[in-house]
C-alpha atoms as a PDB file:
ATOM      1  CA  MET A   1     251.063 134.994 249.937  1.00  0.00           C
ATOM      2  CA  GLY A   2     251.872 131.744 249.609  1.00  0.00           C
ATOM      3  CA  GLN A   3     248.061 130.598 249.917  1.00  0.00           C
ATOM      4  CA  ASP A   4     244.805 130.860 248.082  1.00  0.00           C
ATOM      5  CA  LYS A   5     243.677 133.594 249.533  1.00  0.00           C
ATOM      6  CA  ALA A   6     239.876 132.351 248.856  1.00  0.00           C
ATOM      7  CA  LEU A   7     240.259 130.043 251.476  1.00  0.00           C
ATOM      8  CA  LEU A   8     241.915 132.563 254.421  1.00  0.00           C
ATOM      9  CA  GLN A   9     239.274 132.659 256.846  1.00  0.00           C
ATOM     10  CA  TYR A  10     238.422 135.312 259.028  1.00  0.00           C
ATOM     11  CA  GLY A  11     235.125 135.586 261.046  1.00  0.00           C
ATOM     12  CA  GLY A  12     235.179 132.233 261.276  1.00  0.00           C
ATOM     13  CA  ARG A  13     234.810 131.025 257.492  1.00  0.00           C
ATOM     14  CA  SER A  14     237.275 131.470 254.820  1.00  0.00           C
ATOM     15  CA  PHE A  15     236.995 134.662 252.333  1.00  0.00           C
ATOM     16  CA  LEU A  16     234.918 132.090 250.009  1.00  0.00           C
ATOM     17  CA  ALA A  17     232.322 130.853 251.696  1.00  0.00           C
ATOM     18  CA  GLY A  18     231.539 134.341 253.375  1.00  0.00           C
ATOM     19  CA  ALA A  19     230.831 135.963 250.006  1.00  0.00           C
ATOM     20  CA  ILE A  20     228.266 133.455 248.833  1.00  0.00           C
ATOM     21  CA  GLN A  21     226.576 134.109 251.699  1.00  0.00           C
ATOM     22  CA  VAL A  22     226.231 137.583 252.088  1.00  0.00           C
ATOM     23  CA  LEU A  23     225.524 137.677 247.651  1.00  0.00           C
ATOM     24  CA  GLN A  24     223.006 134.618 248.333  1.00  0.00           C
ATOM     25  CA  ASN A  25     221.028 137.188 251.099  1.00  0.00           C
ATOM     26  CA  VAL A  26     220.779 140.221 248.181  1.00  0.00           C
ATOM     27  CA  CYS A  27     221.260 137.513 244.961  1.00  0.00           C
ATOM     28  CA  ASP A  28     218.564 134.963 243.474  1.00  0.00           C
ATOM     29  CA  PHE A  29     221.586 133.221 242.820  1.00  0.00           C
ATOM     30  CA  VAL A  30     225.502 133.271 242.802  1.00  0.00           C
ATOM     31  CA  LEU A  31     227.912 131.477 240.795  1.00  0.00           C
ATOM     32  CA  VAL A  32     231.921 130.717 241.126  1.00  0.00           C
ATOM     33  CA  VAL A  33     234.244 130.439 238.837  1.00  0.00           C
ATOM     34  CA  ALA A  34     237.383 128.629 239.082  1.00  0.00           C
ATOM     35  CA  GLY A  35     240.202 126.979 237.660  1.00  0.00           C
ATOM     36  CA  LYS A  36     243.300 125.810 239.655  1.00  0.00           C
ATOM     37  CA  ASN A  37     242.123 125.587 242.448  1.00  0.00           C
ATOM     38  CA  ILE A  38     238.506 123.365 242.057  1.00  0.00           C
ATOM     39  CA  ASP A  39     239.211 120.843 243.770  1.00  0.00           C
ATOM     40  CA  GLN A  40     239.720 123.523 246.842  1.00  0.00           C
ATOM     41  CA  LEU A  41     237.058 125.436 246.568  1.00  0.00           C
ATOM     42  CA  ARG A  42     234.129 123.209 245.942  1.00  0.00           C
ATOM     43  CA  PRO A  43     233.673 121.545 248.805  1.00  0.00           C
ATOM     44  CA  ILE A  44     232.665 125.252 249.584  1.00  0.00           C
ATOM     45  CA  ILE A  45     231.461 125.980 246.771  1.00  0.00           C
ATOM     46  CA  TYR A  46     228.830 122.883 247.091  1.00  0.00           C
ATOM     47  CA  GLN A  47     228.326 123.317 251.062  1.00  0.00           C
ATOM     48  CA  ASN A  48     226.907 127.283 250.216  1.00  0.00           C
ATOM     49  CA  SER A  49     224.669 126.396 247.838  1.00  0.00           C
ATOM     50  CA  ALA A  50     226.356 128.088 245.178  1.00  0.00           C
ATOM     51  CA  TYR A  51     226.944 126.770 241.459  1.00  0.00           C
ATOM     52  CA  LEU A  52     230.244 125.995 239.983  1.00  0.00           C
ATOM     53  CA  VAL A  53     231.804 127.781 236.262  1.00  0.00           C
ATOM     54  CA  LEU A  54     235.214 125.848 235.484  1.00  0.00           C
ATOM     55  CA  ASN A  55     237.749 128.045 234.146  1.00  0.00           C
ATOM     56  CA  PRO A  56     239.593 124.788 232.280  1.00  0.00           C
ATOM     57  CA  GLN A  57     241.705 127.904 231.152  1.00  0.00           C
ATOM     58  CA  PRO A  58     242.822 129.655 234.284  1.00  0.00           C
ATOM     59  CA  GLU A  59     246.143 130.604 233.061  1.00  0.00           C
ATOM     60  CA  LEU A  60     244.639 132.959 230.951  1.00  0.00           C
ATOM     61  CA  GLY A  61     244.200 135.203 234.001  1.00  0.00           C
ATOM     62  CA  GLN A  62     241.526 136.696 235.892  1.00  0.00           C
ATOM     63  CA  PHE A  63     239.928 138.260 233.392  1.00  0.00           C
ATOM     64  CA  SER A  64     239.196 135.120 231.437  1.00  0.00           C
ATOM     65  CA  SER A  65     238.025 134.029 234.836  1.00  0.00           C
ATOM     66  CA  LEU A  66     235.028 137.902 234.720  1.00  0.00           C
ATOM     67  CA  ARG A  67     233.873 136.823 231.665  1.00  0.00           C
ATOM     68  CA  LEU A  68     232.826 133.022 231.487  1.00  0.00           C
ATOM     69  CA  GLY A  69     231.004 134.267 235.242  1.00  0.00           C
ATOM     70  CA  LEU A  70     228.817 136.784 233.358  1.00  0.00           C
ATOM     71  CA  GLN A  71     228.913 133.940 229.928  1.00  0.00           C
ATOM     72  CA  ALA A  72     227.183 131.562 232.455  1.00  0.00           C
ATOM     73  CA  VAL A  73     225.198 134.385 234.001  1.00  0.00           C
ATOM     74  CA  LEU A  74     223.854 135.329 230.108  1.00  0.00           C
ATOM     75  CA  ASN A  75     223.019 132.180 230.259  1.00  0.00           C
ATOM     76  CA  ARG A  76     220.741 131.144 232.824  1.00  0.00           C
ATOM     77  CA  GLY A  77     218.781 134.673 231.577  1.00  0.00           C
ATOM     78  CA  ARG A  78     219.760 137.394 233.379  1.00  0.00           C
ATOM     79  CA  ASP A  79     220.953 141.061 232.698  1.00  0.00           C
ATOM     80  CA  THR A  80     222.998 141.953 235.433  1.00  0.00           C
ATOM     81  CA  ALA A  81     225.810 140.514 237.627  1.00  0.00           C
ATOM     82  CA  CYS A  82     227.000 141.634 240.956  1.00  0.00           C
ATOM     83  CA  VAL A  83     230.270 140.419 240.605  1.00  0.00           C
ATOM     84  CA  THR A  84     233.517 140.430 243.821  1.00  0.00           C
ATOM     85  CA  LEU A  85     236.629 139.134 244.024  1.00  0.00           C
ATOM     86  CA  VAL A  86     237.382 136.388 246.725  1.00  0.00           C
ATOM     87  CA  ASP A  87     240.323 137.299 247.226  1.00  0.00           C
ATOM     88  CA  ARG A  88     239.799 139.652 250.506  1.00  0.00           C
ATOM     89  CA  PRO A  89     236.549 140.158 253.269  1.00  0.00           C
ATOM     90  CA  PRO A  90     233.318 139.933 251.946  1.00  0.00           C
ATOM     91  CA  ALA A  91     231.416 143.210 252.070  1.00  0.00           C
ATOM     92  CA  GLN A  92     228.768 144.171 254.347  1.00  0.00           C
ATOM     93  CA  THR A  93     225.250 142.693 253.029  1.00  0.00           C
ATOM     94  CA  HIS A  94     223.069 145.933 253.318  1.00  0.00           C
ATOM     95  CA  THR A  95     226.273 147.612 251.361  1.00  0.00           C
ATOM     96  CA  VAL A  96     225.268 145.107 248.817  1.00  0.00           C
ATOM     97  CA  GLN A  97     222.040 145.263 249.427  1.00  0.00           C
ATOM     98  CA  ARG A  98     222.655 149.160 248.833  1.00  0.00           C
ATOM     99  CA  LEU A  99     224.131 148.582 245.677  1.00  0.00           C
ATOM    100  CA  LYS A 100     221.479 146.264 243.984  1.00  0.00           C
ATOM    101  CA  GLU A 101     218.444 149.116 245.166  1.00  0.00           C
ATOM    102  CA  HIS A 102     220.471 152.338 243.921  1.00  0.00           C
ATOM    103  CA  PHE A 103     220.941 150.145 240.919  1.00  0.00           C
ATOM    104  CA  PHE A 104     217.378 149.348 239.822  1.00  0.00           C
ATOM    105  CA  LYS A 105     216.370 152.679 240.274  1.00  0.00           C
ATOM    106  CA  THR A 106     219.060 154.137 237.474  1.00  0.00           C
ATOM    107  CA  SER A 107     218.257 153.852 233.800  1.00  0.00           C
ATOM    108  CA  PRO A 108     220.081 151.534 231.800  1.00  0.00           C
ATOM    109  CA  GLU A 109     221.126 153.271 229.562  1.00  0.00           C
ATOM    110  CA  ILE A 110     222.821 155.706 231.290  1.00  0.00           C
ATOM    111  CA  THR A 111     224.274 153.718 234.079  1.00  0.00           C
ATOM    112  CA  TRP A 112     225.824 150.148 232.750  1.00  0.00           C
ATOM    113  CA  ALA A 113     227.860 149.734 236.295  1.00  0.00           C
ATOM    114  CA  VAL A 114     227.281 150.886 239.793  1.00  0.00           C
ATOM    115  CA  VAL A 115     230.704 150.453 242.068  1.00  0.00           C
ATOM    116  CA  PRO A 116     230.810 151.036 246.082  1.00  0.00           C
ATOM    117  CA  GLN A 117     233.378 153.848 246.949  1.00  0.00           C
ATOM    118  CA  PHE A 118     234.745 154.452 250.788  1.00  0.00           C
ATOM    119  CA  ASP A 119     236.837 157.482 251.445  1.00  0.00           C
ATOM    120  CA  GLY A 120     237.827 157.622 247.460  1.00  0.00           C
ATOM    121  CA  LYS A 121     238.594 154.016 247.272  1.00  0.00           C
ATOM    122  CA  HIS A 122     236.689 151.732 245.058  1.00  0.00           C
ATOM    123  CA  GLY A 123     236.532 148.354 245.682  1.00  0.00           C
ATOM    124  CA  HIS A 124     234.038 145.765 245.338  1.00  0.00           C
ATOM    125  CA  PRO A 125     230.945 144.736 244.791  1.00  0.00           C
ATOM    126  CA  VAL A 126     230.642 145.129 241.649  1.00  0.00           C
ATOM    127  CA  ILE A 127     226.929 145.332 239.598  1.00  0.00           C
ATOM    128  CA  PHE A 128     227.480 145.218 236.429  1.00  0.00           C
ATOM    129  CA  ALA A 129     224.707 145.921 234.066  1.00  0.00           C
ATOM    130  CA  ARG A 130     223.483 143.503 229.991  1.00  0.00           C
ATOM    131  CA  GLU A 131     225.659 146.746 227.921  1.00  0.00           C
ATOM    132  CA  MET A 132     228.544 145.946 230.624  1.00  0.00           C
ATOM    133  CA  ILE A 133     228.730 142.124 230.639  1.00  0.00           C
ATOM    134  CA  GLU A 134     228.534 142.155 226.047  1.00  0.00           C
ATOM    135  CA  ALA A 135     231.180 145.115 226.568  1.00  0.00           C
ATOM    136  CA  PHE A 136     233.232 142.864 228.397  1.00  0.00           C
ATOM    137  CA  LEU A 137     232.664 139.639 226.590  1.00  0.00           C
ATOM    138  CA  ARG A 138     233.310 141.132 222.899  1.00  0.00           C
ATOM    139  CA  ALA A 139     236.524 142.791 224.610  1.00  0.00           C
ATOM    140  CA  THR A 140     239.703 141.058 223.032  1.00  0.00           C
ATOM    141  CA  PRO A 141     241.010 137.935 225.325  1.00  0.00           C
ATOM    142  CA  SER A 142     244.194 139.414 225.926  1.00  0.00           C
ATOM    143  CA  SER A 143     242.712 142.974 227.694  1.00  0.00           C
ATOM    144  CA  ASN A 144     240.678 142.950 231.485  1.00  0.00           C
ATOM    145  CA  ALA A 145     237.989 144.603 233.333  1.00  0.00           C
ATOM    146  CA  ARG A 146     239.978 147.764 234.569  1.00  0.00           C
ATOM    147  CA  GLU A 147     240.834 148.957 230.093  1.00  0.00           C
ATOM    148  CA  ILE A 148     237.047 148.312 229.654  1.00  0.00           C
ATOM    149  CA  GLU A 149     235.979 150.360 232.591  1.00  0.00           C
ATOM    150  CA  HIS A 150     237.903 152.750 231.500  1.00  0.00           C
ATOM    151  CA  GLN A 151     236.130 152.139 227.988  1.00  0.00           C
ATOM    152  CA  HIS A 152     232.889 152.876 229.082  1.00  0.00           C
ATOM    153  CA  GLN A 153     233.867 155.605 232.067  1.00  0.00           C
ATOM    154  CA  ALA A 154     230.867 157.418 231.876  1.00  0.00           C
ATOM    155  CA  TYR A 155     228.572 154.679 231.875  1.00  0.00           C
ATOM    156  CA  ILE A 156     229.655 154.052 235.737  1.00  0.00           C
ATOM    157  CA  GLU A 157     228.680 155.426 239.023  1.00  0.00           C
ATOM    158  CA  TYR A 158     229.758 155.339 242.358  1.00  0.00           C
ATOM    159  CA  LEU A 159     228.358 155.476 245.571  1.00  0.00           C
ATOM    160  CA  ASP A 160     229.923 156.050 249.073  1.00  0.00           C
ATOM    161  CA  VAL A 161     229.267 153.140 251.260  1.00  0.00           C
ATOM    162  CA  ASP A 162     230.283 153.124 254.514  1.00  0.00           C
ATOM    163  CA  ASP A 163     231.677 150.045 254.506  1.00  0.00           C
ATOM    164  CA  PRO A 164     235.942 149.836 254.418  1.00  0.00           C
ATOM    165  CA  GLY A 165     235.926 146.505 253.829  1.00  0.00           C
ATOM    166  CA  ILE A 166     234.970 146.907 250.169  1.00  0.00           C
ATOM    167  CA  ALA A 167     238.897 148.581 249.543  1.00  0.00           C
ATOM    168  CA  LEU A 168     240.667 146.355 251.207  1.00  0.00           C
ATOM    169  CA  ASP A 169     243.887 144.421 249.137  1.00  0.00           C
ATOM    170  CA  ILE A 170     244.833 141.254 251.343  1.00  0.00           C
ATOM    171  CA  ASN A 171     248.369 140.899 249.500  1.00  0.00           C
ATOM    172  CA  THR A 172     250.285 139.907 251.919  1.00  0.00           C
ATOM    173  CA  PRO A 173     250.600 138.056 255.601  1.00  0.00           C
ATOM    174  CA  GLU A 174     250.770 141.698 256.667  1.00  0.00           C
ATOM    175  CA  ASP A 175     247.551 142.568 254.907  1.00  0.00           C
ATOM    176  CA  TYR A 176     245.808 139.115 257.164  1.00  0.00           C
ATOM    177  CA  SER A 177     248.090 140.144 259.866  1.00  0.00           C
ATOM    178  CA  SER A 178     246.123 143.401 260.530  1.00  0.00           C
ATOM    179  CA  LEU A 179     242.857 142.599 259.678  1.00  0.00           C
ATOM    180  CA  GLN A 180     243.018 140.165 262.201  1.00  0.00           C
ATOM    181  CA  ALA A 181     244.539 142.086 264.423  1.00  0.00           C
ATOM    182  CA  GLY A 182     240.929 144.552 263.257  1.00  0.00           C
ATOM    183  CA  ARG A 183     243.089 147.457 262.182  1.00  0.00           C
END
């Protein structure tokens, strides 16, 4: 798109600020992993009382950022992570709350992740148990999240939600224009 999608405006705030604010309503703390775009994201992260995790090698891709963020979650003494992307509008707060409630009603031996779905499409945020976090951290750096999730498919639950935004992809200026127009 020619610009950092985390900075795109929607509902009077950037995608990043919106995601932080939604997660803060449900989670103990919010971590944001940033790399090459750190100078643009740092003010938004700190203004919204989130924590910054630096990816010193962003050229290694999105999976490297995921792994750094998940390790930071474990380092803070937590066994669960709620992960979202900031290249799209944030999920609704009630969606994240439903995911969290559903996750904590399940058994960690059976459910390693809860993924929202709307109209059959999977989306974000995703809640990961320690078992799935450790699977990501054990994976080779050249892996990707989809591969690891596929390997552990039996431990993933999908939760139907009434939030079409969880599956939105904003990849083109036309996608963004459609979002702004409410289509």
